[in-house]
mmCIF file of all heavy atoms, coordinates in Angstrom:
data_MODEL
# 
_entry.id   MODEL 
# 
loop_
_atom_site.group_PDB 
_atom_site.id 
_atom_site.type_symbol 
_atom_site.label_atom_id 
_atom_site.label_alt_id 
_atom_site.label_comp_id 
_atom_site.label_asym_id 
_atom_site.label_entity_id 
_atom_site.label_seq_id 
_atom_site.pdbx_PDB_ins_code 
_atom_site.Cartn_x 
_atom_site.Cartn_y 
_atom_site.Cartn_z 
_atom_site.occupancy 
_atom_site.B_iso_or_equiv 
_atom_site.pdbx_formal_charge 
_atom_site.auth_seq_id 
_atom_site.auth_comp_id 
_atom_site.auth_asym_id 
_atom_site.auth_atom_id 
_atom_site.pdbx_PDB_model_num 
ATOM 1   N N   . THR A 1 1  ? -11.963 36.454 71.787  1.00 0.00 ? 1  THR A N   1 
ATOM 2   C CA  . THR A 1 1  ? -11.178 37.148 72.802  1.00 0.00 ? 1  THR A CA  1 
ATOM 3   C C   . THR A 1 1  ? -12.075 38.219 73.421  1.00 0.00 ? 1  THR A C   1 
ATOM 4   O O   . THR A 1 1  ? -12.926 38.789 72.745  1.00 0.00 ? 1  THR A O   1 
ATOM 5   C CB  . THR A 1 1  ? -9.930  37.817 72.202  1.00 0.00 ? 1  THR A CB  1 
ATOM 6   O OG1 . THR A 1 1  ? -10.342 38.713 71.182  1.00 0.00 ? 1  THR A OG1 1 
ATOM 7   C CG2 . THR A 1 1  ? -8.964  36.802 71.632  1.00 0.00 ? 1  THR A CG2 1 
ATOM 8   N N   . VAL A 1 2  ? -11.890 38.451 74.697  1.00 0.00 ? 2  VAL A N   1 
ATOM 9   C CA  . VAL A 1 2  ? -12.668 39.481 75.379  1.00 0.00 ? 2  VAL A CA  1 
ATOM 10  C C   . VAL A 1 2  ? -11.863 40.773 75.333  1.00 0.00 ? 2  VAL A C   1 
ATOM 11  O O   . VAL A 1 2  ? -10.782 40.857 75.909  1.00 0.00 ? 2  VAL A O   1 
ATOM 12  C CB  . VAL A 1 2  ? -12.973 39.083 76.835  1.00 0.00 ? 2  VAL A CB  1 
ATOM 13  C CG1 . VAL A 1 2  ? -13.728 40.185 77.545  1.00 0.00 ? 2  VAL A CG1 1 
ATOM 14  C CG2 . VAL A 1 2  ? -13.755 37.774 76.881  1.00 0.00 ? 2  VAL A CG2 1 
ATOM 15  N N   . PRO A 1 3  ? -12.375 41.804 74.636  1.00 0.00 ? 3  PRO A N   1 
ATOM 16  C CA  . PRO A 1 3  ? -11.639 43.069 74.519  1.00 0.00 ? 3  PRO A CA  1 
ATOM 17  C C   . PRO A 1 3  ? -11.881 43.973 75.725  1.00 0.00 ? 3  PRO A C   1 
ATOM 18  O O   . PRO A 1 3  ? -12.889 44.659 75.824  1.00 0.00 ? 3  PRO A O   1 
ATOM 19  C CB  . PRO A 1 3  ? -12.215 43.684 73.235  1.00 0.00 ? 3  PRO A CB  1 
ATOM 20  C CG  . PRO A 1 3  ? -13.590 43.122 73.130  1.00 0.00 ? 3  PRO A CG  1 
ATOM 21  C CD  . PRO A 1 3  ? -13.562 41.773 73.797  1.00 0.00 ? 3  PRO A CD  1 
ATOM 22  N N   . TRP A 1 4  ? -10.956 43.967 76.666  1.00 0.00 ? 4  TRP A N   1 
ATOM 23  C CA  . TRP A 1 4  ? -11.079 44.796 77.860  1.00 0.00 ? 4  TRP A CA  1 
ATOM 24  C C   . TRP A 1 4  ? -10.531 46.186 77.571  1.00 0.00 ? 4  TRP A C   1 
ATOM 25  O O   . TRP A 1 4  ? -9.516  46.336 76.917  1.00 0.00 ? 4  TRP A O   1 
ATOM 26  C CB  . TRP A 1 4  ? -10.332 44.178 79.031  1.00 0.00 ? 4  TRP A CB  1 
ATOM 27  C CG  . TRP A 1 4  ? -10.910 42.874 79.458  1.00 0.00 ? 4  TRP A CG  1 
ATOM 28  C CD1 . TRP A 1 4  ? -10.385 41.637 79.227  1.00 0.00 ? 4  TRP A CD1 1 
ATOM 29  C CD2 . TRP A 1 4  ? -12.129 42.671 80.156  1.00 0.00 ? 4  TRP A CD2 1 
ATOM 30  N NE1 . TRP A 1 4  ? -11.204 40.676 79.749  1.00 0.00 ? 4  TRP A NE1 1 
ATOM 31  C CE2 . TRP A 1 4  ? -12.287 41.270 80.331  1.00 0.00 ? 4  TRP A CE2 1 
ATOM 32  C CE3 . TRP A 1 4  ? -13.118 43.512 80.661  1.00 0.00 ? 4  TRP A CE3 1 
ATOM 33  C CZ2 . TRP A 1 4  ? -13.366 40.708 80.983  1.00 0.00 ? 4  TRP A CZ2 1 
ATOM 34  C CZ3 . TRP A 1 4  ? -14.209 42.944 81.316  1.00 0.00 ? 4  TRP A CZ3 1 
ATOM 35  C CH2 . TRP A 1 4  ? -14.326 41.573 81.472  1.00 0.00 ? 4  TRP A CH2 1 
ATOM 36  N N   . ASN A 1 5  ? -11.200 47.193 78.098  1.00 0.00 ? 5  ASN A N   1 
ATOM 37  C CA  . ASN A 1 5  ? -10.791 48.578 77.929  1.00 0.00 ? 5  ASN A CA  1 
ATOM 38  C C   . ASN A 1 5  ? -10.715 49.188 79.329  1.00 0.00 ? 5  ASN A C   1 
ATOM 39  O O   . ASN A 1 5  ? -11.696 49.123 80.080  1.00 0.00 ? 5  ASN A O   1 
ATOM 40  C CB  . ASN A 1 5  ? -11.826 49.315 77.072  1.00 0.00 ? 5  ASN A CB  1 
ATOM 41  C CG  . ASN A 1 5  ? -11.411 50.710 76.716  1.00 0.00 ? 5  ASN A CG  1 
ATOM 42  O OD1 . ASN A 1 5  ? -10.656 51.366 77.436  1.00 0.00 ? 5  ASN A OD1 1 
ATOM 43  N ND2 . ASN A 1 5  ? -11.919 51.188 75.594  1.00 0.00 ? 5  ASN A ND2 1 
ATOM 44  N N   . PRO A 1 6  ? -9.594  49.766 79.731  1.00 0.00 ? 6  PRO A N   1 
ATOM 45  C CA  . PRO A 1 6  ? -9.452  50.262 81.110  1.00 0.00 ? 6  PRO A CA  1 
ATOM 46  C C   . PRO A 1 6  ? -10.423 51.382 81.493  1.00 0.00 ? 6  PRO A C   1 
ATOM 47  O O   . PRO A 1 6  ? -10.606 51.655 82.676  1.00 0.00 ? 6  PRO A O   1 
ATOM 48  C CB  . PRO A 1 6  ? -8.010  50.742 81.192  1.00 0.00 ? 6  PRO A CB  1 
ATOM 49  C CG  . PRO A 1 6  ? -7.543  50.872 79.793  1.00 0.00 ? 6  PRO A CG  1 
ATOM 50  C CD  . PRO A 1 6  ? -8.382  49.964 78.949  1.00 0.00 ? 6  PRO A CD  1 
ATOM 51  N N   . VAL A 1 7  ? -11.069 52.010 80.528  1.00 0.00 ? 7  VAL A N   1 
ATOM 52  C CA  . VAL A 1 7  ? -12.022 53.080 80.862  1.00 0.00 ? 7  VAL A CA  1 
ATOM 53  C C   . VAL A 1 7  ? -13.441 52.552 81.070  1.00 0.00 ? 7  VAL A C   1 
ATOM 54  O O   . VAL A 1 7  ? -14.332 53.311 81.443  1.00 0.00 ? 7  VAL A O   1 
ATOM 55  C CB  . VAL A 1 7  ? -12.035 54.197 79.788  1.00 0.00 ? 7  VAL A CB  1 
ATOM 56  C CG1 . VAL A 1 7  ? -10.672 54.833 79.671  1.00 0.00 ? 7  VAL A CG1 1 
ATOM 57  C CG2 . VAL A 1 7  ? -12.505 53.668 78.452  1.00 0.00 ? 7  VAL A CG2 1 
ATOM 58  N N   . ASN A 1 8  ? -13.657 51.269 80.849  1.00 0.00 ? 8  ASN A N   1 
ATOM 59  C CA  . ASN A 1 8  ? -14.989 50.687 80.999  1.00 0.00 ? 8  ASN A CA  1 
ATOM 60  C C   . ASN A 1 8  ? -15.269 50.323 82.457  1.00 0.00 ? 8  ASN A C   1 
ATOM 61  O O   . ASN A 1 8  ? -15.270 49.164 82.848  1.00 0.00 ? 8  ASN A O   1 
ATOM 62  C CB  . ASN A 1 8  ? -15.156 49.457 80.104  1.00 0.00 ? 8  ASN A CB  1 
ATOM 63  C CG  . ASN A 1 8  ? -15.222 49.801 78.643  1.00 0.00 ? 8  ASN A CG  1 
ATOM 64  O OD1 . ASN A 1 8  ? -15.350 50.967 78.275  1.00 0.00 ? 8  ASN A OD1 1 
ATOM 65  N ND2 . ASN A 1 8  ? -15.138 48.795 77.796  1.00 0.00 ? 8  ASN A ND2 1 
ATOM 66  N N   . LEU A 1 9  ? -15.481 51.347 83.261  1.00 0.00 ? 9  LEU A N   1 
ATOM 67  C CA  . LEU A 1 9  ? -15.744 51.194 84.692  1.00 0.00 ? 9  LEU A CA  1 
ATOM 68  C C   . LEU A 1 9  ? -16.968 52.024 85.066  1.00 0.00 ? 9  LEU A C   1 
ATOM 69  O O   . LEU A 1 9  ? -17.131 53.142 84.599  1.00 0.00 ? 9  LEU A O   1 
ATOM 70  C CB  . LEU A 1 9  ? -14.566 51.691 85.518  1.00 0.00 ? 9  LEU A CB  1 
ATOM 71  C CG  . LEU A 1 9  ? -13.208 51.060 85.260  1.00 0.00 ? 9  LEU A CG  1 
ATOM 72  C CD1 . LEU A 1 9  ? -12.126 51.845 85.977  1.00 0.00 ? 9  LEU A CD1 1 
ATOM 73  C CD2 . LEU A 1 9  ? -13.208 49.623 85.706  1.00 0.00 ? 9  LEU A CD2 1 
ATOM 74  N N   . ILE A 1 10 ? -17.795 51.465 85.930  1.00 0.00 ? 10 ILE A N   1 
ATOM 75  C CA  . ILE A 1 10 ? -18.936 52.206 86.453  1.00 0.00 ? 10 ILE A CA  1 
ATOM 76  C C   . ILE A 1 10 ? -18.843 52.171 87.967  1.00 0.00 ? 10 ILE A C   1 
ATOM 77  O O   . ILE A 1 10 ? -18.930 51.099 88.576  1.00 0.00 ? 10 ILE A O   1 
ATOM 78  C CB  . ILE A 1 10 ? -20.269 51.585 85.980  1.00 0.00 ? 10 ILE A CB  1 
ATOM 79  C CG1 . ILE A 1 10 ? -20.356 51.647 84.461  1.00 0.00 ? 10 ILE A CG1 1 
ATOM 80  C CG2 . ILE A 1 10 ? -21.455 52.302 86.630  1.00 0.00 ? 10 ILE A CG2 1 
ATOM 81  C CD1 . ILE A 1 10 ? -21.470 50.841 83.876  1.00 0.00 ? 10 ILE A CD1 1 
ATOM 82  N N   . PRO A 1 11 ? -18.631 53.316 88.624  1.00 0.00 ? 11 PRO A N   1 
ATOM 83  C CA  . PRO A 1 11 ? -18.595 53.337 90.090  1.00 0.00 ? 11 PRO A CA  1 
ATOM 84  C C   . PRO A 1 11 ? -20.015 53.149 90.635  1.00 0.00 ? 11 PRO A C   1 
ATOM 85  O O   . PRO A 1 11 ? -20.935 53.833 90.220  1.00 0.00 ? 11 PRO A O   1 
ATOM 86  C CB  . PRO A 1 11 ? -18.037 54.714 90.424  1.00 0.00 ? 11 PRO A CB  1 
ATOM 87  C CG  . PRO A 1 11 ? -18.277 55.543 89.210  1.00 0.00 ? 11 PRO A CG  1 
ATOM 88  C CD  . PRO A 1 11 ? -18.366 54.624 88.041  1.00 0.00 ? 11 PRO A CD  1 
ATOM 89  N N   . VAL A 1 12 ? -20.159 52.215 91.554  1.00 0.00 ? 12 VAL A N   1 
ATOM 90  C CA  . VAL A 1 12 ? -21.470 51.907 92.140  1.00 0.00 ? 12 VAL A CA  1 
ATOM 91  C C   . VAL A 1 12 ? -21.431 52.257 93.619  1.00 0.00 ? 12 VAL A C   1 
ATOM 92  O O   . VAL A 1 12 ? -20.912 51.508 94.433  1.00 0.00 ? 12 VAL A O   1 
ATOM 93  C CB  . VAL A 1 12 ? -21.840 50.416 91.941  1.00 0.00 ? 12 VAL A CB  1 
ATOM 94  C CG1 . VAL A 1 12 ? -23.208 50.121 92.525  1.00 0.00 ? 12 VAL A CG1 1 
ATOM 95  C CG2 . VAL A 1 12 ? -21.797 50.041 90.465  1.00 0.00 ? 12 VAL A CG2 1 
ATOM 96  N N   . GLY A 1 13 ? -21.952 53.428 93.973  1.00 0.00 ? 13 GLY A N   1 
ATOM 97  C CA  . GLY A 1 13 ? -22.003 53.856 95.371  1.00 0.00 ? 13 GLY A CA  1 
ATOM 98  C C   . GLY A 1 13 ? -20.649 53.921 96.029  1.00 0.00 ? 13 GLY A C   1 
ATOM 99  O O   . GLY A 1 13 ? -20.508 53.512 97.188  1.00 0.00 ? 13 GLY A O   1 
ATOM 100 N N   . GLN A 1 14 ? -19.657 54.436 95.328  1.00 0.00 ? 14 GLN A N   1 
ATOM 101 C CA  . GLN A 1 14 ? -18.315 54.488 95.909  1.00 0.00 ? 14 GLN A CA  1 
ATOM 102 C C   . GLN A 1 14 ? -18.292 55.328 97.174  1.00 0.00 ? 14 GLN A C   1 
ATOM 103 O O   . GLN A 1 14 ? -19.005 56.319 97.292  1.00 0.00 ? 14 GLN A O   1 
ATOM 104 C CB  . GLN A 1 14 ? -17.326 55.046 94.897  1.00 0.00 ? 14 GLN A CB  1 
ATOM 105 C CG  . GLN A 1 14 ? -16.843 54.002 93.922  1.00 0.00 ? 14 GLN A CG  1 
ATOM 106 C CD  . GLN A 1 14 ? -15.743 54.506 93.038  1.00 0.00 ? 14 GLN A CD  1 
ATOM 107 O OE1 . GLN A 1 14 ? -15.904 55.486 92.345  1.00 0.00 ? 14 GLN A OE1 1 
ATOM 108 N NE2 . GLN A 1 14 ? -14.606 53.820 93.063  1.00 0.00 ? 14 GLN A NE2 1 
ATOM 109 N N   . GLY A 1 15 ? -17.460 54.896 98.113  1.00 0.00 ? 15 GLY A N   1 
ATOM 110 C CA  . GLY A 1 15 ? -17.296 55.632 99.349  1.00 0.00 ? 15 GLY A CA  1 
ATOM 111 C C   . GLY A 1 15 ? -18.282 55.260 100.437 1.00 0.00 ? 15 GLY A C   1 
ATOM 112 O O   . GLY A 1 15 ? -18.235 55.811 101.532 1.00 0.00 ? 15 GLY A O   1 
ATOM 113 N N   . ASP A 1 16 ? -19.177 54.304 100.173 1.00 0.00 ? 16 ASP A N   1 
ATOM 114 C CA  . ASP A 1 16 ? -20.161 53.925 101.190 1.00 0.00 ? 16 ASP A CA  1 
ATOM 115 C C   . ASP A 1 16 ? -19.676 52.784 102.083 1.00 0.00 ? 16 ASP A C   1 
ATOM 116 O O   . ASP A 1 16 ? -20.384 52.334 102.965 1.00 0.00 ? 16 ASP A O   1 
ATOM 117 C CB  . ASP A 1 16 ? -21.504 53.573 100.547 1.00 0.00 ? 16 ASP A CB  1 
ATOM 118 C CG  . ASP A 1 16 ? -21.442 52.363 99.627  1.00 0.00 ? 16 ASP A CG  1 
ATOM 119 O OD1 . ASP A 1 16 ? -20.369 51.733 99.519  1.00 0.00 ? 16 ASP A OD1 1 
ATOM 120 O OD2 . ASP A 1 16 ? -22.467 52.057 98.996  1.00 0.00 ? 16 ASP A OD2 1 
ATOM 121 N N   . GLY A 1 17 ? -18.448 52.297 101.849 1.00 0.00 ? 17 GLY A N   1 
ATOM 122 C CA  . GLY A 1 17 ? -17.886 51.236 102.675 1.00 0.00 ? 17 GLY A CA  1 
ATOM 123 C C   . GLY A 1 17 ? -18.366 49.841 102.319 1.00 0.00 ? 17 GLY A C   1 
ATOM 124 O O   . GLY A 1 17 ? -18.043 48.885 103.008 1.00 0.00 ? 17 GLY A O   1 
ATOM 125 N N   . GLU A 1 18 ? -19.128 49.712 101.252 1.00 0.00 ? 18 GLU A N   1 
ATOM 126 C CA  . GLU A 1 18 ? -19.639 48.413 100.830 1.00 0.00 ? 18 GLU A CA  1 
ATOM 127 C C   . GLU A 1 18 ? -18.930 47.953 99.562  1.00 0.00 ? 18 GLU A C   1 
ATOM 128 O O   . GLU A 1 18 ? -18.515 48.769 98.755  1.00 0.00 ? 18 GLU A O   1 
ATOM 129 C CB  . GLU A 1 18 ? -21.139 48.494 100.530 1.00 0.00 ? 18 GLU A CB  1 
ATOM 130 C CG  . GLU A 1 18 ? -21.994 48.838 101.717 1.00 0.00 ? 18 GLU A CG  1 
ATOM 131 C CD  . GLU A 1 18 ? -23.469 48.869 101.337 1.00 0.00 ? 18 GLU A CD  1 
ATOM 132 O OE1 . GLU A 1 18 ? -23.930 47.951 100.639 1.00 0.00 ? 18 GLU A OE1 1 
ATOM 133 O OE2 . GLU A 1 18 ? -24.144 49.826 101.720 1.00 0.00 ? 18 GLU A OE2 1 
ATOM 134 N N   . ASN A 1 19 ? -18.840 46.633 99.410  1.00 0.00 ? 19 ASN A N   1 
ATOM 135 C CA  . ASN A 1 19 ? -18.282 46.052 98.192  1.00 0.00 ? 19 ASN A CA  1 
ATOM 136 C C   . ASN A 1 19 ? -19.403 45.685 97.239  1.00 0.00 ? 19 ASN A C   1 
ATOM 137 O O   . ASN A 1 19 ? -20.502 45.326 97.667  1.00 0.00 ? 19 ASN A O   1 
ATOM 138 C CB  . ASN A 1 19 ? -17.495 44.786 98.512  1.00 0.00 ? 19 ASN A CB  1 
ATOM 139 C CG  . ASN A 1 19 ? -16.209 45.077 99.231  1.00 0.00 ? 19 ASN A CG  1 
ATOM 140 O OD1 . ASN A 1 19 ? -15.856 46.222 99.446  1.00 0.00 ? 19 ASN A OD1 1 
ATOM 141 N ND2 . ASN A 1 19 ? -15.519 44.029 99.615  1.00 0.00 ? 19 ASN A ND2 1 
ATOM 142 N N   . LEU A 1 20 ? -19.113 45.725 95.952  1.00 0.00 ? 20 LEU A N   1 
ATOM 143 C CA  . LEU A 1 20 ? -20.026 45.239 94.939  1.00 0.00 ? 20 LEU A CA  1 
ATOM 144 C C   . LEU A 1 20 ? -19.841 43.729 94.874  1.00 0.00 ? 20 LEU A C   1 
ATOM 145 O O   . LEU A 1 20 ? -18.805 43.233 94.441  1.00 0.00 ? 20 LEU A O   1 
ATOM 146 C CB  . LEU A 1 20 ? -19.722 45.900 93.588  1.00 0.00 ? 20 LEU A CB  1 
ATOM 147 C CG  . LEU A 1 20 ? -20.635 45.563 92.433  1.00 0.00 ? 20 LEU A CG  1 
ATOM 148 C CD1 . LEU A 1 20 ? -22.093 45.852 92.759  1.00 0.00 ? 20 LEU A CD1 1 
ATOM 149 C CD2 . LEU A 1 20 ? -20.196 46.344 91.197  1.00 0.00 ? 20 LEU A CD2 1 
ATOM 150 N N   . VAL A 1 21 ? -20.843 42.982 95.360  1.00 0.00 ? 21 VAL A N   1 
ATOM 151 C CA  . VAL A 1 21 ? -20.711 41.555 95.615  1.00 0.00 ? 21 VAL A CA  1 
ATOM 152 C C   . VAL A 1 21 ? -21.111 40.690 94.428  1.00 0.00 ? 21 VAL A C   1 
ATOM 153 O O   . VAL A 1 21 ? -20.395 39.780 94.042  1.00 0.00 ? 21 VAL A O   1 
ATOM 154 C CB  . VAL A 1 21 ? -21.549 41.158 96.854  1.00 0.00 ? 21 VAL A CB  1 
ATOM 155 C CG1 . VAL A 1 21 ? -21.492 39.678 97.110  1.00 0.00 ? 21 VAL A CG1 1 
ATOM 156 C CG2 . VAL A 1 21 ? -21.071 41.930 98.075  1.00 0.00 ? 21 VAL A CG2 1 
ATOM 157 N N   . ASP A 1 22 ? -22.276 40.944 93.832  1.00 0.00 ? 22 ASP A N   1 
ATOM 158 C CA  . ASP A 1 22 ? -22.782 40.055 92.787  1.00 0.00 ? 22 ASP A CA  1 
ATOM 159 C C   . ASP A 1 22 ? -23.772 40.815 91.915  1.00 0.00 ? 22 ASP A C   1 
ATOM 160 O O   . ASP A 1 22 ? -24.125 41.959 92.208  1.00 0.00 ? 22 ASP A O   1 
ATOM 161 C CB  . ASP A 1 22 ? -23.445 38.822 93.411  1.00 0.00 ? 22 ASP A CB  1 
ATOM 162 C CG  . ASP A 1 22 ? -23.289 37.563 92.552  1.00 0.00 ? 22 ASP A CG  1 
ATOM 163 O OD1 . ASP A 1 22 ? -23.022 37.685 91.339  1.00 0.00 ? 22 ASP A OD1 1 
ATOM 164 O OD2 . ASP A 1 22 ? -23.437 36.462 93.093  1.00 0.00 ? 22 ASP A OD2 1 
ATOM 165 N N   . MET A 1 23 ? -24.261 40.165 90.855  1.00 0.00 ? 23 MET A N   1 
ATOM 166 C CA  . MET A 1 23 ? -25.197 40.804 89.937  1.00 0.00 ? 23 MET A CA  1 
ATOM 167 C C   . MET A 1 23 ? -26.079 39.767 89.258  1.00 0.00 ? 23 MET A C   1 
ATOM 168 O O   . MET A 1 23 ? -25.751 38.584 89.225  1.00 0.00 ? 23 MET A O   1 
ATOM 169 C CB  . MET A 1 23 ? -24.439 41.614 88.887  1.00 0.00 ? 23 MET A CB  1 
ATOM 170 C CG  . MET A 1 23 ? -23.558 40.774 88.003  1.00 0.00 ? 23 MET A CG  1 
ATOM 171 S SD  . MET A 1 23 ? -22.524 41.779 86.959  1.00 0.00 ? 23 MET A SD  1 
ATOM 172 C CE  . MET A 1 23 ? -21.134 40.684 86.762  1.00 0.00 ? 23 MET A CE  1 
ATOM 173 N N   . LEU A 1 24 ? -27.212 40.248 88.749  1.00 0.00 ? 24 LEU A N   1 
ATOM 174 C CA  . LEU A 1 24 ? -28.174 39.432 87.998  1.00 0.00 ? 24 LEU A CA  1 
ATOM 175 C C   . LEU A 1 24 ? -28.705 40.243 86.835  1.00 0.00 ? 24 LEU A C   1 
ATOM 176 O O   . LEU A 1 24 ? -28.738 41.474 86.893  1.00 0.00 ? 24 LEU A O   1 
ATOM 177 C CB  . LEU A 1 24 ? -29.395 39.084 88.861  1.00 0.00 ? 24 LEU A CB  1 
ATOM 178 C CG  . LEU A 1 24 ? -29.298 38.119 89.996  1.00 0.00 ? 24 LEU A CG  1 
ATOM 179 C CD1 . LEU A 1 24 ? -30.624 38.071 90.747  1.00 0.00 ? 24 LEU A CD1 1 
ATOM 180 C CD2 . LEU A 1 24 ? -28.950 36.744 89.493  1.00 0.00 ? 24 LEU A CD2 1 
ATOM 181 N N   . VAL A 1 25 ? -29.179 39.558 85.810  1.00 0.00 ? 25 VAL A N   1 
ATOM 182 C CA  . VAL A 1 25 ? -29.932 40.214 84.749  1.00 0.00 ? 25 VAL A CA  1 
ATOM 183 C C   . VAL A 1 25 ? -31.401 40.005 85.066  1.00 0.00 ? 25 VAL A C   1 
ATOM 184 O O   . VAL A 1 25 ? -31.863 38.876 85.218  1.00 0.00 ? 25 VAL A O   1 
ATOM 185 C CB  . VAL A 1 25 ? -29.605 39.622 83.369  1.00 0.00 ? 25 VAL A CB  1 
ATOM 186 C CG1 . VAL A 1 25 ? -30.480 40.257 82.291  1.00 0.00 ? 25 VAL A CG1 1 
ATOM 187 C CG2 . VAL A 1 25 ? -28.133 39.820 83.043  1.00 0.00 ? 25 VAL A CG2 1 
ATOM 188 N N   . VAL A 1 26 ? -32.139 41.116 85.205  1.00 0.00 ? 26 VAL A N   1 
ATOM 189 C CA  . VAL A 1 26 ? -33.570 41.065 85.488  1.00 0.00 ? 26 VAL A CA  1 
ATOM 190 C C   . VAL A 1 26 ? -34.260 42.061 84.562  1.00 0.00 ? 26 VAL A C   1 
ATOM 191 O O   . VAL A 1 26 ? -33.937 43.255 84.581  1.00 0.00 ? 26 VAL A O   1 
ATOM 192 C CB  . VAL A 1 26 ? -33.877 41.417 86.965  1.00 0.00 ? 26 VAL A CB  1 
ATOM 193 C CG1 . VAL A 1 26 ? -35.365 41.412 87.233  1.00 0.00 ? 26 VAL A CG1 1 
ATOM 194 C CG2 . VAL A 1 26 ? -33.155 40.460 87.904  1.00 0.00 ? 26 VAL A CG2 1 
ATOM 195 N N   . ALA A 1 27 ? -35.199 41.576 83.762  1.00 0.00 ? 27 ALA A N   1 
ATOM 196 C CA  . ALA A 1 27 ? -35.984 42.436 82.865  1.00 0.00 ? 27 ALA A CA  1 
ATOM 197 C C   . ALA A 1 27 ? -35.086 43.316 81.995  1.00 0.00 ? 27 ALA A C   1 
ATOM 198 O O   . ALA A 1 27 ? -35.296 44.508 81.870  1.00 0.00 ? 27 ALA A O   1 
ATOM 199 C CB  . ALA A 1 27 ? -36.969 43.284 83.660  1.00 0.00 ? 27 ALA A CB  1 
ATOM 200 N N   . ASP A 1 28 ? -34.057 42.727 81.404  1.00 0.00 ? 28 ASP A N   1 
ATOM 201 C CA  . ASP A 1 28 ? -33.142 43.411 80.502  1.00 0.00 ? 28 ASP A CA  1 
ATOM 202 C C   . ASP A 1 28 ? -32.357 44.538 81.174  1.00 0.00 ? 28 ASP A C   1 
ATOM 203 O O   . ASP A 1 28 ? -31.921 45.487 80.519  1.00 0.00 ? 28 ASP A O   1 
ATOM 204 C CB  . ASP A 1 28 ? -33.872 43.936 79.264  1.00 0.00 ? 28 ASP A CB  1 
ATOM 205 C CG  . ASP A 1 28 ? -32.930 44.109 78.082  1.00 0.00 ? 28 ASP A CG  1 
ATOM 206 O OD1 . ASP A 1 28 ? -31.978 43.319 77.968  1.00 0.00 ? 28 ASP A OD1 1 
ATOM 207 O OD2 . ASP A 1 28 ? -33.123 45.053 77.299  1.00 0.00 ? 28 ASP A OD2 1 
# 
């Protein structure tokens, strides 16, 4: 089961009008 916790959020450039679209793992 995936244990989700509502506090596990990281804001990424909030307020810049852009959406967080995708992600990759690069060099750990």
